[in-house]
Amino acid sequence: ELKNPKRGFYNIYKIEITDRDTDYLTLVDEYKYDTDTTLTLVEINLHNYRDRELSRTGVSNVEMLFRALEAVDKQVIVRFLYDWDGETSGREPDKLDIILTHMDQLEATLRRHSGQIFVLQGLFTGNWGEMSGTRYSAPQQLRQLAVQLASVTNDSTYLSVRAPAQWRVITKLEDLADLSSNPLAQRIGLFN
């Protein structure tokens, strides 16, 4: 059987980050039964920290999750989010700075585990982390979020946004011929 890496169908796994010690190896143990795919989407929910920085335990738990995922023979599509229920207004941080801080706090983990990350989906915002229904959709906010996420990840880590309009706002490109002069645009794709 030929497995095509980094393409095809995938399963979605939802992980909530808390201040509780969690055995992520057991949590991702079900991945070993998924032998038909080479990708997996891991939604990492940070809603417990919507009003504050990630705690030391929260950051450690994200790190432990990525370590557990190393045991899985898959490339990981990662989506950080605050909402699984389509209710962003009650789940998303009230201040953009909190999201930017969360990105900053995750830098070491995102850099350390860049080899297993296929793509980072979204900019932490919106219903289901899909960048819709968010209060942070103004052009300046989208650019700020994208620039911050790019700055805390390796240049080899690809990012993606939901819609072409978001991509154009973030990259400020009118013509794809200018792509080679825009390093951020070269790293951002679309996931919808």
Foldseek 3Di string as FASTA:
>chain_A
DDADAPDDDEEEAEAEQDLDDDQLLVVCVCLVVVPPHQEYEYEYADLVALAHAQDPSSLVVVLNNLVSCVVHRHAYAYFYEQAADQCQVVRHRPDLVRLLRNLQSNLVSQAVNVVRHSAYEALHDGHNRQPPPGPQQPLVSLLVSLVSNCVSHDLPHAYEHADPVSLCSNQVDPDCVCVVVGSSSVRYYHDD
